[in-house]
Amino acid sequence: MEDEGFVDDEFIEETARDYVGRYAGNAPVLLREHAAIAEASGDYLLTQTWQRIIEAAEDMLGPGSYRRQR
């Protein structure tokens, strides 16, 4: 993560790849839990970061490999 209030794309992709590798189709569900915790704590940047990681993980899994729960 960068100090200037943004997260680089490499971090997003690497984190998504790690979750997909470990949890396969369950990765988006687990990632959504992280996003919900960040949102509940009021951390906007962290919430947005988790959302970008969720999107990257869903892209990696492809259509039909998971169930979107937005």
N, C-alpha and C. Protein backbone atom coordinates (compact mmCIF):
# COMPACT_ATOMS: atom_id res chain seq x y z
N MET A 1 0.83 -1.17 0.00
CA MET A 1 0.00 0.00 0.00
C MET A 1 0.88 1.24 0.00
N GLU A 2 0.37 2.26 -0.61
CA GLU A 2 1.08 3.53 -0.70
C GLU A 2 0.64 4.44 0.45
N ASP A 3 1.48 5.40 0.80
CA ASP A 3 1.17 6.33 1.87
C ASP A 3 0.27 7.48 1.42
N GLU A 4 0.07 7.67 0.14
CA GLU A 4 -0.62 8.83 -0.38
C GLU A 4 -2.13 8.62 -0.53
N GLY A 5 -2.70 7.63 0.13
CA GLY A 5 -4.14 7.44 0.09
C GLY A 5 -4.63 6.58 -1.06
N PHE A 6 -3.74 5.84 -1.70
CA PHE A 6 -4.19 4.93 -2.75
C PHE A 6 -3.42 3.62 -2.66
N VAL A 7 -3.97 2.61 -3.24
CA VAL A 7 -3.37 1.29 -3.24
C VAL A 7 -3.03 0.93 -4.67
N ASP A 8 -1.84 0.42 -4.90
CA ASP A 8 -1.45 0.13 -6.28
C ASP A 8 -2.11 -1.15 -6.79
N ASP A 9 -2.23 -1.21 -8.10
CA ASP A 9 -2.92 -2.33 -8.74
C ASP A 9 -2.23 -3.66 -8.48
N GLU A 10 -0.92 -3.65 -8.35
CA GLU A 10 -0.18 -4.88 -8.09
C GLU A 10 -0.58 -5.49 -6.75
N PHE A 11 -0.75 -4.65 -5.74
CA PHE A 11 -1.20 -5.13 -4.43
C PHE A 11 -2.59 -5.75 -4.53
N ILE A 12 -3.48 -5.08 -5.25
CA ILE A 12 -4.84 -5.58 -5.43
C ILE A 12 -4.83 -6.95 -6.08
N GLU A 13 -4.11 -7.07 -7.19
CA GLU A 13 -4.05 -8.34 -7.92
C GLU A 13 -3.40 -9.44 -7.09
N GLU A 14 -2.32 -9.11 -6.41
CA GLU A 14 -1.61 -10.10 -5.61
C GLU A 14 -2.48 -10.62 -4.46
N THR A 15 -3.18 -9.72 -3.81
CA THR A 15 -4.05 -10.11 -2.70
C THR A 15 -5.21 -10.97 -3.21
N ALA A 16 -5.83 -10.56 -4.31
CA ALA A 16 -6.92 -11.36 -4.90
C ALA A 16 -6.43 -12.74 -5.30
N ARG A 17 -5.26 -12.80 -5.92
CA ARG A 17 -4.70 -14.08 -6.35
C ARG A 17 -4.44 -14.98 -5.14
N ASP A 18 -3.96 -14.41 -4.06
CA ASP A 18 -3.71 -15.18 -2.84
C ASP A 18 -5.00 -15.78 -2.29
N TYR A 19 -6.05 -14.96 -2.20
CA TYR A 19 -7.33 -15.45 -1.69
C TYR A 19 -7.94 -16.51 -2.60
N VAL A 20 -7.89 -16.29 -3.90
CA VAL A 20 -8.43 -17.27 -4.84
C VAL A 20 -7.64 -18.57 -4.75
N GLY A 21 -6.33 -18.47 -4.62
CA GLY A 21 -5.49 -19.66 -4.49
C GLY A 21 -5.79 -20.45 -3.23
N ARG A 22 -6.08 -19.75 -2.16
CA ARG A 22 -6.34 -20.42 -0.88
C ARG A 22 -7.78 -20.90 -0.74
N TYR A 23 -8.73 -20.07 -1.21
CA TYR A 23 -10.14 -20.33 -0.90
C TYR A 23 -11.02 -20.58 -2.11
N ALA A 24 -10.45 -20.53 -3.29
CA ALA A 24 -11.19 -20.78 -4.55
C ALA A 24 -12.50 -19.98 -4.58
N GLY A 25 -13.60 -20.64 -4.85
CA GLY A 25 -14.89 -19.98 -5.01
C GLY A 25 -15.42 -19.31 -3.75
N ASN A 26 -14.86 -19.63 -2.61
CA ASN A 26 -15.27 -18.99 -1.36
C ASN A 26 -14.56 -17.66 -1.12
N ALA A 27 -13.56 -17.35 -1.93
CA ALA A 27 -12.78 -16.13 -1.74
C ALA A 27 -13.64 -14.87 -1.70
N PRO A 28 -14.56 -14.67 -2.66
CA PRO A 28 -15.37 -13.45 -2.61
C PRO A 28 -16.18 -13.31 -1.32
N VAL A 29 -16.67 -14.41 -0.80
CA VAL A 29 -17.45 -14.37 0.45
C VAL A 29 -16.57 -13.89 1.60
N LEU A 30 -15.38 -14.45 1.70
CA LEU A 30 -14.46 -14.05 2.77
C LEU A 30 -14.01 -12.61 2.61
N LEU A 31 -13.75 -12.22 1.37
CA LEU A 31 -13.34 -10.85 1.11
C LEU A 31 -14.44 -9.85 1.46
N ARG A 32 -15.69 -10.23 1.20
CA ARG A 32 -16.81 -9.36 1.56
C ARG A 32 -16.90 -9.16 3.07
N GLU A 33 -16.54 -10.20 3.83
CA GLU A 33 -16.52 -10.06 5.28
C GLU A 33 -15.50 -9.01 5.70
N HIS A 34 -14.33 -9.03 5.09
CA HIS A 34 -13.30 -8.02 5.38
C HIS A 34 -13.81 -6.62 5.03
N ALA A 35 -14.47 -6.50 3.88
CA ALA A 35 -15.00 -5.21 3.45
C ALA A 35 -16.06 -4.71 4.44
N ALA A 36 -16.89 -5.60 4.91
CA ALA A 36 -17.95 -5.22 5.86
C ALA A 36 -17.35 -4.74 7.18
N ILE A 37 -16.31 -5.40 7.64
CA ILE A 37 -15.65 -4.99 8.88
C ILE A 37 -15.02 -3.61 8.71
N ALA A 38 -14.35 -3.39 7.58
CA ALA A 38 -13.74 -2.09 7.31
C ALA A 38 -14.80 -1.00 7.25
N GLU A 39 -15.92 -1.31 6.60
CA GLU A 39 -17.00 -0.33 6.49
C GLU A 39 -17.59 -0.01 7.87
N ALA A 40 -17.79 -1.05 8.67
CA ALA A 40 -18.35 -0.85 10.01
C ALA A 40 -17.43 -0.01 10.88
N SER A 41 -16.13 -0.10 10.62
CA SER A 41 -15.18 0.68 11.42
C SER A 41 -15.02 2.11 10.89
N GLY A 42 -15.65 2.39 9.74
CA GLY A 42 -15.60 3.73 9.19
C GLY A 42 -14.37 4.01 8.34
N ASP A 43 -13.64 2.98 7.98
CA ASP A 43 -12.41 3.17 7.19
C ASP A 43 -12.75 3.11 5.70
N TYR A 44 -12.96 4.27 5.12
CA TYR A 44 -13.37 4.36 3.72
C TYR A 44 -12.32 3.79 2.77
N LEU A 45 -11.07 4.16 2.95
CA LEU A 45 -10.02 3.69 2.06
C LEU A 45 -9.89 2.17 2.11
N LEU A 46 -9.92 1.61 3.31
CA LEU A 46 -9.81 0.16 3.44
C LEU A 46 -11.02 -0.54 2.82
N THR A 47 -12.20 0.03 3.02
CA THR A 47 -13.41 -0.54 2.41
C THR A 47 -13.28 -0.57 0.89
N GLN A 48 -12.84 0.54 0.32
CA GLN A 48 -12.66 0.61 -1.14
C GLN A 48 -11.59 -0.36 -1.62
N THR A 49 -10.55 -0.54 -0.83
CA THR A 49 -9.48 -1.48 -1.19
C THR A 49 -10.03 -2.90 -1.23
N TRP A 50 -10.78 -3.29 -0.21
CA TRP A 50 -11.38 -4.63 -0.20
C TRP A 50 -12.33 -4.81 -1.38
N GLN A 51 -13.10 -3.76 -1.72
CA GLN A 51 -14.02 -3.85 -2.85
C GLN A 51 -13.25 -4.11 -4.15
N ARG A 52 -12.12 -3.45 -4.33
CA ARG A 52 -11.31 -3.67 -5.53
C ARG A 52 -10.73 -5.08 -5.55
N ILE A 53 -10.36 -5.59 -4.38
CA ILE A 53 -9.84 -6.96 -4.29
C ILE A 53 -10.95 -7.96 -4.62
N ILE A 54 -12.16 -7.70 -4.13
CA ILE A 54 -13.30 -8.57 -4.45
C ILE A 54 -13.52 -8.62 -5.96
N GLU A 55 -13.53 -7.46 -6.61
CA GLU A 55 -13.73 -7.41 -8.06
C GLU A 55 -12.64 -8.19 -8.79
N ALA A 56 -11.40 -8.04 -8.36
CA ALA A 56 -10.30 -8.76 -9.01
C ALA A 56 -10.45 -10.27 -8.81
N ALA A 57 -10.83 -10.69 -7.61
CA ALA A 57 -11.02 -12.12 -7.34
C ALA A 57 -12.15 -12.69 -8.18
N GLU A 58 -13.26 -11.95 -8.29
CA GLU A 58 -14.38 -12.40 -9.10
C GLU A 58 -13.97 -12.51 -10.57
N ASP A 59 -13.18 -11.57 -11.05
CA ASP A 59 -12.68 -11.64 -12.42
C ASP A 59 -11.82 -12.87 -12.63
N MET A 60 -10.98 -13.18 -11.65
CA MET A 60 -10.11 -14.36 -11.75
C MET A 60 -10.92 -15.65 -11.78
N LEU A 61 -11.98 -15.69 -11.00
CA LEU A 61 -12.80 -16.90 -10.93
C LEU A 61 -13.67 -17.08 -12.17
N GLY A 62 -14.03 -15.98 -12.81
CA GLY A 62 -14.83 -16.05 -14.02
C GLY A 62 -16.30 -16.25 -13.73
N PRO A 63 -17.14 -16.03 -14.76
CA PRO A 63 -18.58 -16.18 -14.61
C PRO A 63 -18.97 -17.61 -14.25
N GLY A 64 -19.92 -17.74 -13.36
CA GLY A 64 -20.43 -19.07 -13.01
C GLY A 64 -19.61 -19.79 -11.97
N SER A 65 -18.43 -19.25 -11.60
CA SER A 65 -17.59 -19.92 -10.62
C SER A 65 -17.89 -19.49 -9.19
N TYR A 66 -18.74 -18.52 -9.04
CA TYR A 66 -19.07 -17.98 -7.73
C TYR A 66 -20.46 -17.35 -7.80
N ARG A 67 -20.98 -17.00 -6.67
CA ARG A 67 -22.26 -16.33 -6.63
C ARG A 67 -22.06 -14.92 -6.10
N ARG A 68 -22.34 -13.93 -6.93
CA ARG A 68 -22.19 -12.54 -6.49
C ARG A 68 -23.23 -12.23 -5.45
N GLN A 69 -22.80 -11.59 -4.37
CA GLN A 69 -23.71 -11.21 -3.29
C GLN A 69 -23.50 -9.74 -3.00
N ARG A 70 -24.06 -8.87 -3.82
CA ARG A 70 -23.87 -7.42 -3.63
C ARG A 70 -25.09 -6.82 -3.05
